[in-house]
C-alpha atoms as a PDB file:
ATOM      1  CA  MET A   1     -84.424   5.063  28.884  1.00  0.00           C
ATOM      2  CA  SER A   2     -86.553   2.549  27.004  1.00  0.00           C
ATOM      3  CA  PHE A   3     -86.605  -1.311  27.366  1.00  0.00           C
ATOM      4  CA  LYS A   4     -84.297  -3.438  25.208  1.00  0.00           C
ATOM      5  CA  LEU A   5     -85.145  -6.996  23.977  1.00  0.00           C
ATOM      6  CA  PRO A   6     -82.339  -9.207  26.016  1.00  0.00           C
ATOM      7  CA  GLU A   7     -80.116 -11.383  24.189  1.00  0.00           C
ATOM      8  CA  LEU A   8     -80.893 -15.107  24.582  1.00  0.00           C
ATOM      9  CA  PRO A   9     -78.295 -16.538  26.896  1.00  0.00           C
ATOM     10  CA  PHE A  10     -77.928 -19.487  24.558  1.00  0.00           C
ATOM     11  CA  ALA A  11     -78.212 -20.358  20.810  1.00  0.00           C
ATOM     12  CA  HIS A  12     -81.693 -20.834  19.293  1.00  0.00           C
ATOM     13  CA  ASP A  13     -81.037 -24.591  18.921  1.00  0.00           C
ATOM     14  CA  ALA A  14     -79.247 -25.008  22.308  1.00  0.00           C
ATOM     15  CA  LEU A  15     -82.495 -26.363  24.075  1.00  0.00           C
ATOM     16  CA  GLU A  16     -83.207 -29.183  21.535  1.00  0.00           C
ATOM     17  CA  PRO A  17     -84.762 -31.695  21.470  1.00  0.00           C
ATOM     18  CA  HIS A  18     -86.903 -30.298  24.387  1.00  0.00           C
ATOM     19  CA  ILE A  19     -87.503 -26.788  22.802  1.00  0.00           C
ATOM     20  CA  ASP A  20     -86.892 -26.497  18.996  1.00  0.00           C
ATOM     21  CA  ALA A  21     -84.975 -23.887  17.287  1.00  0.00           C
ATOM     22  CA  ARG A  22     -87.765 -22.466  15.043  1.00  0.00           C
ATOM     23  CA  THR A  23     -89.974 -21.900  18.181  1.00  0.00           C
ATOM     24  CA  MET A  24     -87.121 -20.055  19.958  1.00  0.00           C
ATOM     25  CA  GLU A  25     -86.670 -17.862  16.994  1.00  0.00           C
ATOM     26  CA  ILE A  26     -90.051 -16.877  16.756  1.00  0.00           C
ATOM     27  CA  HIS A  27     -90.907 -16.838  20.450  1.00  0.00           C
ATOM     28  CA  HIS A  28     -87.775 -14.428  21.234  1.00  0.00           C
ATOM     29  CA  GLY A  29     -87.375 -12.521  18.014  1.00  0.00           C
ATOM     30  CA  LYS A  30     -91.141 -12.002  17.229  1.00  0.00           C
ATOM     31  CA  HIS A  31     -93.263 -12.282  20.501  1.00  0.00           C
ATOM     32  CA  HIS A  32     -90.721 -11.027  23.030  1.00  0.00           C
ATOM     33  CA  ALA A  33     -89.567  -8.316  20.769  1.00  0.00           C
ATOM     34  CA  GLY A  34     -93.276  -7.383  20.199  1.00  0.00           C
ATOM     35  CA  TYR A  35     -93.891  -7.031  23.762  1.00  0.00           C
ATOM     36  CA  THR A  36     -90.667  -4.943  24.331  1.00  0.00           C
ATOM     37  CA  ASN A  37     -91.861  -2.461  21.504  1.00  0.00           C
ATOM     38  CA  LYS A  38     -95.308  -2.076  22.617  1.00  0.00           C
ATOM     39  CA  LEU A  39     -94.372  -1.573  26.228  1.00  0.00           C
ATOM     40  CA  ASN A  40     -92.044   1.269  25.244  1.00  0.00           C
ATOM     41  CA  ALA A  41     -94.823   2.764  23.192  1.00  0.00           C
ATOM     42  CA  ALA A  42     -97.355   2.390  26.115  1.00  0.00           C
ATOM     43  CA  ILE A  43     -95.178   4.120  28.700  1.00  0.00           C
ATOM     44  CA  GLU A  44     -93.642   6.842  26.448  1.00  0.00           C
ATOM     45  CA  GLY A  45     -94.581  10.322  28.046  1.00  0.00           C
ATOM     46  CA  THR A  46     -96.054   8.845  31.117  1.00  0.00           C
ATOM     47  CA  ASP A  47     -94.745   8.896  34.782  1.00  0.00           C
ATOM     48  CA  LEU A  48     -93.744   5.092  34.375  1.00  0.00           C
ATOM     49  CA  GLU A  49     -90.994   6.192  31.865  1.00  0.00           C
ATOM     50  CA  GLY A  50     -87.582   5.433  33.308  1.00  0.00           C
ATOM     51  CA  LYS A  51     -88.820   3.153  36.026  1.00  0.00           C
ATOM     52  CA  SER A  52     -87.768  -0.405  36.289  1.00  0.00           C
ATOM     53  CA  ILE A  53     -89.970  -3.116  34.899  1.00  0.00           C
ATOM     54  CA  GLU A  54     -90.538  -4.408  38.536  1.00  0.00           C
ATOM     55  CA  ASP A  55     -91.507  -0.846  39.816  1.00  0.00           C
ATOM     56  CA  ILE A  56     -94.016  -0.633  36.865  1.00  0.00           C
ATOM     57  CA  LEU A  57     -95.619  -3.894  37.584  1.00  0.00           C
ATOM     58  CA  THR A  58     -96.111  -3.356  41.231  1.00  0.00           C
ATOM     59  CA  SER A  59     -97.186   0.237  40.766  1.00  0.00           C
ATOM     60  CA  GLY A  60    -100.921  -0.432  41.117  1.00  0.00           C
ATOM     61  CA  THR A  61    -103.620  -0.098  38.505  1.00  0.00           C
ATOM     62  CA  LEU A  62    -102.216  -0.373  34.937  1.00  0.00           C
ATOM     63  CA  SER A  63    -103.514   0.366  31.685  1.00  0.00           C
ATOM     64  CA  VAL A  64    -104.313  -2.697  29.427  1.00  0.00           C
ATOM     65  CA  GLY A  65    -101.240  -1.961  27.222  1.00  0.00           C
ATOM     66  CA  VAL A  66     -98.809  -1.521  30.094  1.00  0.00           C
ATOM     67  CA  ARG A  67    -100.176  -4.625  31.809  1.00  0.00           C
ATOM     68  CA  ASN A  68    -100.118  -6.926  28.770  1.00  0.00           C
ATOM     69  CA  ASN A  69     -96.814  -5.813  27.448  1.00  0.00           C
ATOM     70  CA  GLY A  70     -95.077  -5.143  30.660  1.00  0.00           C
ATOM     71  CA  GLY A  71     -96.078  -8.574  31.815  1.00  0.00           C
ATOM     72  CA  GLY A  72     -95.086 -10.037  28.531  1.00  0.00           C
ATOM     73  CA  TYR A  73     -91.595  -8.269  28.762  1.00  0.00           C
ATOM     74  CA  PHE A  74     -90.893  -9.314  32.373  1.00  0.00           C
ATOM     75  CA  ASN A  75     -92.171 -12.869  32.073  1.00  0.00           C
ATOM     76  CA  HIS A  76     -90.071 -13.726  29.070  1.00  0.00           C
ATOM     77  CA  CYS A  77     -86.915 -12.123  30.570  1.00  0.00           C
ATOM     78  CA  MET A  78     -87.326 -14.593  33.468  1.00  0.00           C
ATOM     79  CA  PHE A  79     -88.240 -17.456  31.162  1.00  0.00           C
ATOM     80  CA  TRP A  80     -85.053 -17.270  29.239  1.00  0.00           C
ATOM     81  CA  ASP A  81     -82.995 -16.861  32.338  1.00  0.00           C
ATOM     82  CA  VAL A  82     -84.327 -19.953  34.183  1.00  0.00           C
ATOM     83  CA  MET A  83     -83.384 -22.315  31.167  1.00  0.00           C
ATOM     84  CA  SER A  84     -80.147 -23.637  30.080  1.00  0.00           C
ATOM     85  CA  PRO A  85     -78.707 -26.245  27.605  1.00  0.00           C
ATOM     86  CA  ASN A  86     -76.933 -27.707  30.805  1.00  0.00           C
ATOM     87  CA  GLY A  87     -80.190 -27.537  32.806  1.00  0.00           C
ATOM     88  CA  GLY A  88     -82.200 -30.339  34.399  1.00  0.00           C
ATOM     89  CA  GLY A  89     -81.251 -32.505  37.173  1.00  0.00           C
ATOM     90  CA  SER A  90     -82.056 -31.438  40.773  1.00  0.00           C
ATOM     91  CA  PRO A  91     -81.831 -28.180  42.744  1.00  0.00           C
ATOM     92  CA  GLU A  92     -79.163 -28.145  45.568  1.00  0.00           C
ATOM     93  CA  GLY A  93     -78.490 -26.318  48.815  1.00  0.00           C
ATOM     94  CA  ASP A  94     -81.176 -23.930  50.254  1.00  0.00           C
ATOM     95  CA  LEU A  95     -83.606 -24.130  47.329  1.00  0.00           C
ATOM     96  CA  ALA A  96     -83.604 -27.973  47.415  1.00  0.00           C
ATOM     97  CA  SER A  97     -84.136 -27.824  51.337  1.00  0.00           C
ATOM     98  CA  ALA A  98     -87.013 -25.294  50.763  1.00  0.00           C
ATOM     99  CA  ILE A  99     -88.628 -27.497  48.198  1.00  0.00           C
ATOM    100  CA  ASP A 100     -88.508 -30.471  50.269  1.00  0.00           C
ATOM    101  CA  ARG A 101     -89.841 -28.356  53.364  1.00  0.00           C
ATOM    102  CA  ASP A 102     -92.788 -26.730  51.427  1.00  0.00           C
ATOM    103  CA  PHE A 103     -93.818 -29.553  49.000  1.00  0.00           C
ATOM    104  CA  GLY A 104     -92.572 -32.691  50.700  1.00  0.00           C
ATOM    105  CA  SER A 105     -90.265 -33.738  47.841  1.00  0.00           C
ATOM    106  CA  LEU A 106     -88.817 -32.674  44.585  1.00  0.00           C
ATOM    107  CA  GLU A 107     -91.378 -35.082  42.799  1.00  0.00           C
ATOM    108  CA  ALA A 108     -94.364 -33.636  44.654  1.00  0.00           C
ATOM    109  CA  PHE A 109     -93.160 -30.026  43.492  1.00  0.00           C
ATOM    110  CA  LYS A 110     -92.892 -31.188  39.855  1.00  0.00           C
ATOM    111  CA  GLU A 111     -96.476 -32.676  40.158  1.00  0.00           C
ATOM    112  CA  ALA A 112     -97.841 -29.292  41.737  1.00  0.00           C
ATOM    113  CA  PHE A 113     -96.003 -27.155  39.199  1.00  0.00           C
ATOM    114  CA  SER A 114     -97.061 -29.464  36.160  1.00  0.00           C
ATOM    115  CA  ASN A 115    -100.483 -29.457  37.313  1.00  0.00           C
ATOM    116  CA  ALA A 116    -100.767 -25.615  37.500  1.00  0.00           C
ATOM    117  CA  ALA A 117     -99.232 -25.278  34.118  1.00  0.00           C
ATOM    118  CA  ALA A 118    -101.321 -27.990  32.424  1.00  0.00           C
ATOM    119  CA  THR A 119    -104.680 -26.799  34.073  1.00  0.00           C
ATOM    120  CA  ARG A 120    -104.314 -23.149  33.235  1.00  0.00           C
ATOM    121  CA  PHE A 121    -107.128 -22.659  30.926  1.00  0.00           C
ATOM    122  CA  GLY A 122    -106.026 -20.925  27.738  1.00  0.00           C
ATOM    123  CA  SER A 123    -102.931 -18.683  27.673  1.00  0.00           C
ATOM    124  CA  GLY A 124    -101.004 -18.067  30.614  1.00  0.00           C
ATOM    125  CA  TRP A 125     -98.066 -18.949  32.891  1.00  0.00           C
ATOM    126  CA  ALA A 126     -97.331 -21.225  36.050  1.00  0.00           C
ATOM    127  CA  TRP A 127     -94.928 -19.835  38.569  1.00  0.00           C
ATOM    128  CA  LEU A 128     -92.769 -20.938  41.489  1.00  0.00           C
ATOM    129  CA  CYS A 129     -92.862 -17.991  44.026  1.00  0.00           C
ATOM    130  CA  VAL A 130     -91.733 -17.011  47.442  1.00  0.00           C
ATOM    131  CA  LYS A 131     -94.431 -15.931  49.707  1.00  0.00           C
ATOM    132  CA  ASN A 132     -93.861 -15.049  53.367  1.00  0.00           C
ATOM    133  CA  GLY A 133     -90.607 -16.960  53.206  1.00  0.00           C
ATOM    134  CA  LYS A 134     -92.269 -20.181  51.744  1.00  0.00           C
ATOM    135  CA  LEU A 135     -92.491 -21.541  48.398  1.00  0.00           C
ATOM    136  CA  GLU A 136     -95.758 -21.803  46.596  1.00  0.00           C
ATOM    137  CA  VAL A 137     -96.920 -22.853  42.931  1.00  0.00           C
ATOM    138  CA  CYS A 138     -99.607 -20.891  41.195  1.00  0.00           C
ATOM    139  CA  SER A 139    -100.675 -19.741  37.725  1.00  0.00           C
ATOM    140  CA  THR A 140    -101.738 -16.556  36.009  1.00  0.00           C
ATOM    141  CA  ALA A 141    -103.769 -15.840  32.927  1.00  0.00           C
ATOM    142  CA  ASN A 142    -102.371 -14.154  29.760  1.00  0.00           C
ATOM    143  CA  GLN A 143     -99.244 -12.099  30.590  1.00  0.00           C
ATOM    144  CA  ASP A 144    -100.185 -11.447  34.255  1.00  0.00           C
ATOM    145  CA  ASN A 145     -97.595 -12.479  36.841  1.00  0.00           C
ATOM    146  CA  PRO A 146     -97.407 -12.493  40.679  1.00  0.00           C
ATOM    147  CA  LEU A 147     -95.999  -8.937  40.952  1.00  0.00           C
ATOM    148  CA  MET A 148     -99.193  -7.417  39.785  1.00  0.00           C
ATOM    149  CA  LYS A 149    -101.981  -6.285  42.117  1.00  0.00           C
ATOM    150  CA  GLY A 150    -105.276  -8.053  41.857  1.00  0.00           C
ATOM    151  CA  VAL A 151    -104.045 -11.516  40.713  1.00  0.00           C
ATOM    152  CA  ASP A 152    -104.803 -14.471  43.013  1.00  0.00           C
ATOM    153  CA  CYS A 153    -101.189 -15.420  42.633  1.00  0.00           C
ATOM    154  CA  ASP A 154     -99.115 -13.085  44.635  1.00  0.00           C
ATOM    155  CA  GLY A 155     -95.406 -13.445  45.746  1.00  0.00           C
ATOM    156  CA  THR A 156     -92.082 -12.991  44.244  1.00  0.00           C
ATOM    157  CA  PRO A 157     -91.706 -15.157  41.181  1.00  0.00           C
ATOM    158  CA  ILE A 158     -88.424 -17.178  40.865  1.00  0.00           C
ATOM    159  CA  MET A 159     -89.285 -19.421  38.026  1.00  0.00           C
ATOM    160  CA  GLY A 160     -92.211 -19.457  35.427  1.00  0.00           C
ATOM    161  CA  ILE A 161     -93.159 -21.461  32.475  1.00  0.00           C
ATOM    162  CA  ASP A 162     -94.951 -20.006  29.460  1.00  0.00           C
ATOM    163  CA  VAL A 163     -98.018 -22.074  28.711  1.00  0.00           C
ATOM    164  CA  TRP A 164     -99.196 -19.841  25.677  1.00  0.00           C
ATOM    165  CA  GLU A 165     -99.438 -21.984  22.617  1.00  0.00           C
ATOM    166  CA  HIS A 166     -96.793 -20.018  20.840  1.00  0.00           C
ATOM    167  CA  ALA A 167     -94.262 -21.475  23.368  1.00  0.00           C
ATOM    168  CA  TYR A 168     -94.887 -25.129  22.269  1.00  0.00           C
ATOM    169  CA  TYR A 169     -97.347 -25.482  19.292  1.00  0.00           C
ATOM    170  CA  LEU A 170     -94.697 -25.925  16.447  1.00  0.00           C
ATOM    171  CA  ASN A 171     -93.227 -29.106  18.177  1.00  0.00           C
ATOM    172  CA  TYR A 172     -95.859 -30.218  20.671  1.00  0.00           C
ATOM    173  CA  GLN A 173     -99.129 -29.202  18.943  1.00  0.00           C
ATOM    174  CA  ASN A 174    -102.020 -29.793  21.532  1.00  0.00           C
ATOM    175  CA  ARG A 175     -99.675 -31.991  23.912  1.00  0.00           C
ATOM    176  CA  ARG A 176     -99.080 -29.263  26.605  1.00  0.00           C
ATOM    177  CA  PRO A 177     -98.184 -31.700  29.264  1.00  0.00           C
ATOM    178  CA  ASP A 178     -95.313 -33.286  27.004  1.00  0.00           C
ATOM    179  CA  TYR A 179     -93.906 -29.745  26.721  1.00  0.00           C
ATOM    180  CA  ILE A 180     -94.264 -29.233  30.375  1.00  0.00           C
ATOM    181  CA  ASN A 181     -92.322 -32.476  31.105  1.00  0.00           C
ATOM    182  CA  ALA A 182     -89.641 -31.458  28.614  1.00  0.00           C
ATOM    183  CA  PHE A 183     -89.150 -28.106  30.506  1.00  0.00           C
ATOM    184  CA  PHE A 184     -87.917 -30.059  33.511  1.00  0.00           C
ATOM    185  CA  ASN A 185     -85.011 -31.029  31.375  1.00  0.00           C
ATOM    186  CA  VAL A 186     -83.770 -27.593  30.806  1.00  0.00           C
ATOM    187  CA  ILE A 187     -84.482 -25.782  34.053  1.00  0.00           C
ATOM    188  CA  ASN A 188     -81.358 -23.704  35.099  1.00  0.00           C
ATOM    189  CA  TRP A 189     -81.564 -24.620  38.945  1.00  0.00           C
ATOM    190  CA  GLU A 190     -78.535 -22.372  39.646  1.00  0.00           C
ATOM    191  CA  LYS A 191     -80.364 -19.360  38.386  1.00  0.00           C
ATOM    192  CA  VAL A 192     -83.642 -20.396  40.203  1.00  0.00           C
ATOM    193  CA  ALA A 193     -81.621 -20.796  43.423  1.00  0.00           C
ATOM    194  CA  ALA A 194     -80.234 -17.423  42.931  1.00  0.00           C
ATOM    195  CA  ASN A 195     -83.573 -15.917  42.428  1.00  0.00           C
ATOM    196  CA  TYR A 196     -84.608 -17.688  45.713  1.00  0.00           C
ATOM    197  CA  ALA A 197     -81.849 -16.312  47.609  1.00  0.00           C
ATOM    198  CA  ALA A 198     -82.548 -12.704  46.394  1.00  0.00           C
ATOM    199  CA  ALA A 199     -86.295 -13.248  47.348  1.00  0.00           C
ATOM    200  CA  VAL A 200     -85.780 -14.343  50.896  1.00  0.00           C
END
Protein backbone atom coordinates (compact mmCIF):
# COMPACT_ATOMS: atom_id res chain seq x y z
CA MET A 1 0.00 0.00 0.00
CA SER A 2 1.65 3.22 -1.11
CA PHE A 3 1.08 6.61 0.49
CA LYS A 4 -1.40 9.01 -1.10
CA LEU A 5 -1.42 12.79 -1.11
CA PRO A 6 -4.27 13.73 1.26
CA GLU A 7 -6.96 16.12 0.08
CA LEU A 8 -6.76 19.56 1.65
CA PRO A 9 -9.50 19.93 4.30
CA PHE A 10 -10.36 23.37 2.87
CA ALA A 11 -10.25 25.28 -0.43
CA HIS A 12 -6.94 26.76 -1.59
CA ASP A 13 -8.18 30.29 -0.89
CA ALA A 14 -9.90 29.47 2.41
CA LEU A 15 -7.06 30.73 4.63
CA GLU A 16 -6.74 34.12 2.94
CA PRO A 17 -5.57 36.75 3.74
CA HIS A 18 -3.31 34.90 6.18
CA ILE A 19 -2.07 32.27 3.69
CA ASP A 20 -2.69 33.00 0.02
CA ALA A 21 -4.29 30.64 -2.49
CA ARG A 22 -1.30 30.49 -4.86
CA THR A 23 1.03 29.47 -2.04
CA MET A 24 -1.43 26.77 -0.97
CA GLU A 25 -1.73 25.44 -4.53
CA ILE A 26 2.05 25.14 -4.94
CA HIS A 27 2.71 23.98 -1.38
CA HIS A 28 0.14 21.18 -1.44
CA GLY A 29 0.03 20.31 -5.13
CA LYS A 30 3.77 20.45 -5.85
CA HIS A 31 5.80 20.22 -2.63
CA HIS A 32 3.65 17.80 -0.62
CA ALA A 33 2.90 15.78 -3.75
CA GLY A 34 6.63 15.56 -4.44
CA TYR A 35 7.41 14.29 -0.95
CA THR A 36 4.63 11.71 -1.28
CA ASN A 37 5.87 10.37 -4.61
CA LYS A 38 9.52 10.29 -3.53
CA LEU A 39 8.61 8.55 -0.24
CA ASN A 40 6.82 5.80 -2.16
CA ALA A 41 9.84 5.38 -4.43
CA ALA A 42 12.23 5.31 -1.44
CA ILE A 43 10.39 2.53 0.43
CA GLU A 44 9.44 0.41 -2.58
CA GLY A 45 10.83 -3.09 -2.18
CA THR A 46 12.09 -2.47 1.37
CA ASP A 47 10.84 -3.78 4.71
CA LEU A 48 9.30 -0.35 5.31
CA GLU A 49 6.72 -0.91 2.60
CA GLY A 50 3.25 -1.36 4.11
CA LYS A 51 4.13 0.29 7.43
CA SER A 52 2.41 3.40 8.76
CA ILE A 53 4.28 6.68 8.38
CA GLU A 54 4.64 6.87 12.18
CA ASP A 55 6.18 3.38 12.31
CA ILE A 56 8.57 4.32 9.50
CA LEU A 57 9.72 7.53 11.16
CA THR A 58 10.28 5.90 14.56
CA SER A 59 12.00 2.81 13.15
CA GLY A 60 15.59 3.96 13.72
CA THR A 61 18.27 4.82 11.18
CA LEU A 62 16.61 5.98 7.97
CA SER A 63 18.10 6.50 4.53
CA VAL A 64 18.36 10.13 3.45
CA GLY A 65 15.51 9.61 0.97
CA VAL A 66 13.17 8.05 3.51
CA ARG A 67 14.04 10.58 6.20
CA ASN A 68 13.59 13.66 4.02
CA ASN A 69 10.52 12.53 2.13
CA GLY A 70 8.88 10.60 4.97
CA GLY A 71 9.32 13.65 7.15
CA GLY A 72 7.97 15.89 4.43
CA TYR A 73 4.95 13.64 4.00
CA PHE A 74 4.10 13.40 7.72
CA ASN A 75 4.85 17.04 8.54
CA HIS A 76 2.62 18.42 5.82
CA CYS A 77 -0.24 16.03 6.66
CA MET A 78 -0.21 17.46 10.19
CA PHE A 79 0.22 21.05 8.95
CA TRP A 80 -2.98 21.01 6.86
CA ASP A 81 -4.90 19.34 9.70
CA VAL A 82 -4.03 21.93 12.33
CA MET A 83 -5.27 24.84 10.21
CA SER A 84 -8.82 25.92 9.45
CA PRO A 85 -10.61 28.89 7.87
CA ASN A 86 -12.56 28.99 11.16
CA GLY A 87 -9.36 28.82 13.21
CA GLY A 88 -7.69 31.24 15.54
CA GLY A 89 -8.92 32.35 18.91
CA SER A 90 -7.91 30.38 21.97
CA PRO A 91 -7.76 26.72 22.93
CA GLU A 92 -10.22 25.37 25.47
CA GLY A 93 -10.50 22.54 27.97
CA ASP A 94 -7.59 20.28 28.84
CA LEU A 95 -5.28 21.77 26.21
CA ALA A 96 -5.84 25.31 27.51
CA SER A 97 -5.15 24.13 31.05
CA ALA A 98 -1.97 22.36 29.94
CA ILE A 99 -0.73 25.47 28.10
CA ASP A 100 -1.30 27.57 31.24
CA ARG A 101 0.40 24.92 33.39
CA ASP A 102 3.46 24.44 31.19
CA PHE A 103 3.99 27.92 29.73
CA GLY A 104 2.27 30.20 32.26
CA SER A 105 -0.22 31.65 29.77
CA LEU A 106 -1.37 31.45 26.16
CA GLU A 107 0.63 34.60 25.40
CA ALA A 108 3.78 33.05 26.85
CA PHE A 109 3.20 29.94 24.71
CA LYS A 110 2.76 32.07 21.58
CA GLU A 111 6.00 33.89 22.36
CA ALA A 112 7.91 30.62 22.83
CA PHE A 113 6.43 29.04 19.70
CA SER A 114 7.02 32.16 17.59
CA ASN A 115 10.61 32.36 18.80
CA ALA A 116 11.27 28.69 17.94
CA ALA A 117 9.85 29.25 14.45
CA ALA A 118 11.57 32.59 13.83
CA THR A 119 15.01 31.49 15.02
CA ARG A 120 15.13 28.16 13.15
CA PHE A 121 18.06 28.88 10.82
CA GLY A 122 17.35 28.04 7.20
CA SER A 123 14.53 25.61 6.46
CA GLY A 124 12.64 23.64 9.07
CA TRP A 125 9.69 23.41 11.43
CA ALA A 126 8.63 24.53 14.91
CA TRP A 127 6.59 22.13 17.02
CA LEU A 128 4.29 21.90 19.99
CA CYS A 129 4.94 18.47 21.51
CA VAL A 130 3.89 16.31 24.41
CA LYS A 131 6.85 14.85 26.29
CA ASN A 132 6.45 12.93 29.56
CA GLY A 133 2.93 14.33 29.90
CA LYS A 134 4.02 17.95 29.54
CA LEU A 135 3.88 20.38 26.64
CA GLU A 136 7.07 21.75 25.14
CA VAL A 137 8.09 23.81 22.14
CA CYS A 138 11.06 22.97 19.93
CA SER A 139 12.21 23.12 16.32
CA THR A 140 13.81 20.82 13.76
CA ALA A 141 15.84 21.35 10.61
CA ASN A 142 14.75 20.43 7.09
CA GLN A 143 11.89 17.87 7.16
CA ASP A 144 12.94 16.30 10.47
CA ASN A 145 10.32 15.97 13.20
CA PRO A 146 10.15 14.91 16.86
CA LEU A 147 9.25 11.29 16.01
CA MET A 148 12.69 10.67 14.52
CA LYS A 149 15.61 9.34 16.51
CA GLY A 150 18.61 11.62 16.84
CA VAL A 151 16.84 14.98 16.80
CA ASP A 152 17.24 17.25 19.83
CA CYS A 153 13.49 17.78 19.83
CA ASP A 154 11.72 14.61 20.86
CA GLY A 155 8.18 13.91 21.97
CA THR A 156 4.82 13.47 20.28
CA PRO A 157 4.12 16.38 17.92
CA ILE A 158 0.59 17.80 18.17
CA MET A 159 1.08 20.96 16.06
CA GLY A 160 3.73 22.17 13.64
CA ILE A 161 4.42 25.23 11.53
CA ASP A 162 6.38 24.99 8.29
CA VAL A 163 9.07 27.68 8.10
CA TRP A 164 10.55 26.63 4.78
CA GLU A 165 10.47 29.65 2.47
CA HIS A 166 8.09 27.85 0.12
CA ALA A 167 5.45 28.08 2.89
CA TYR A 168 5.34 31.89 2.90
CA TYR A 169 7.65 33.59 0.41
CA LEU A 170 5.11 34.56 -2.28
CA ASN A 171 3.09 36.58 0.23
CA TYR A 172 5.56 37.50 2.98
CA GLN A 173 8.96 37.44 1.22
CA ASN A 174 11.61 37.62 3.96
CA ARG A 175 9.12 38.61 6.70
CA ARG A 176 8.95 35.22 8.42
CA PRO A 177 7.71 36.74 11.73
CA ASP A 178 4.67 38.20 9.92
CA TYR A 179 3.82 34.76 8.54
CA ILE A 180 4.21 33.20 11.99
CA ASN A 181 1.88 35.81 13.48
CA ALA A 182 -0.65 35.11 10.71
CA PHE A 183 -0.54 31.37 11.50
CA PHE A 184 -2.15 32.01 14.88
CA ASN A 185 -5.25 33.29 13.04
CA VAL A 186 -5.80 29.91 11.33
CA ILE A 187 -4.87 27.38 14.04
CA ASN A 188 -7.54 24.69 14.37
CA TRP A 189 -7.43 24.44 18.16
CA GLU A 190 -10.04 21.65 18.20
CA LYS A 191 -7.74 19.45 16.12
CA VAL A 192 -4.71 20.37 18.24
CA ALA A 193 -6.73 19.50 21.35
CA ALA A 194 -7.66 16.12 19.84
CA ASN A 195 -3.98 15.50 19.07
CA TYR A 196 -3.14 16.43 22.67
CA ALA A 197 -5.76 14.05 24.08
CA ALA A 198 -4.39 11.22 21.91
CA ALA A 199 -0.80 11.98 22.93
CA VAL A 200 -1.42 11.95 26.68
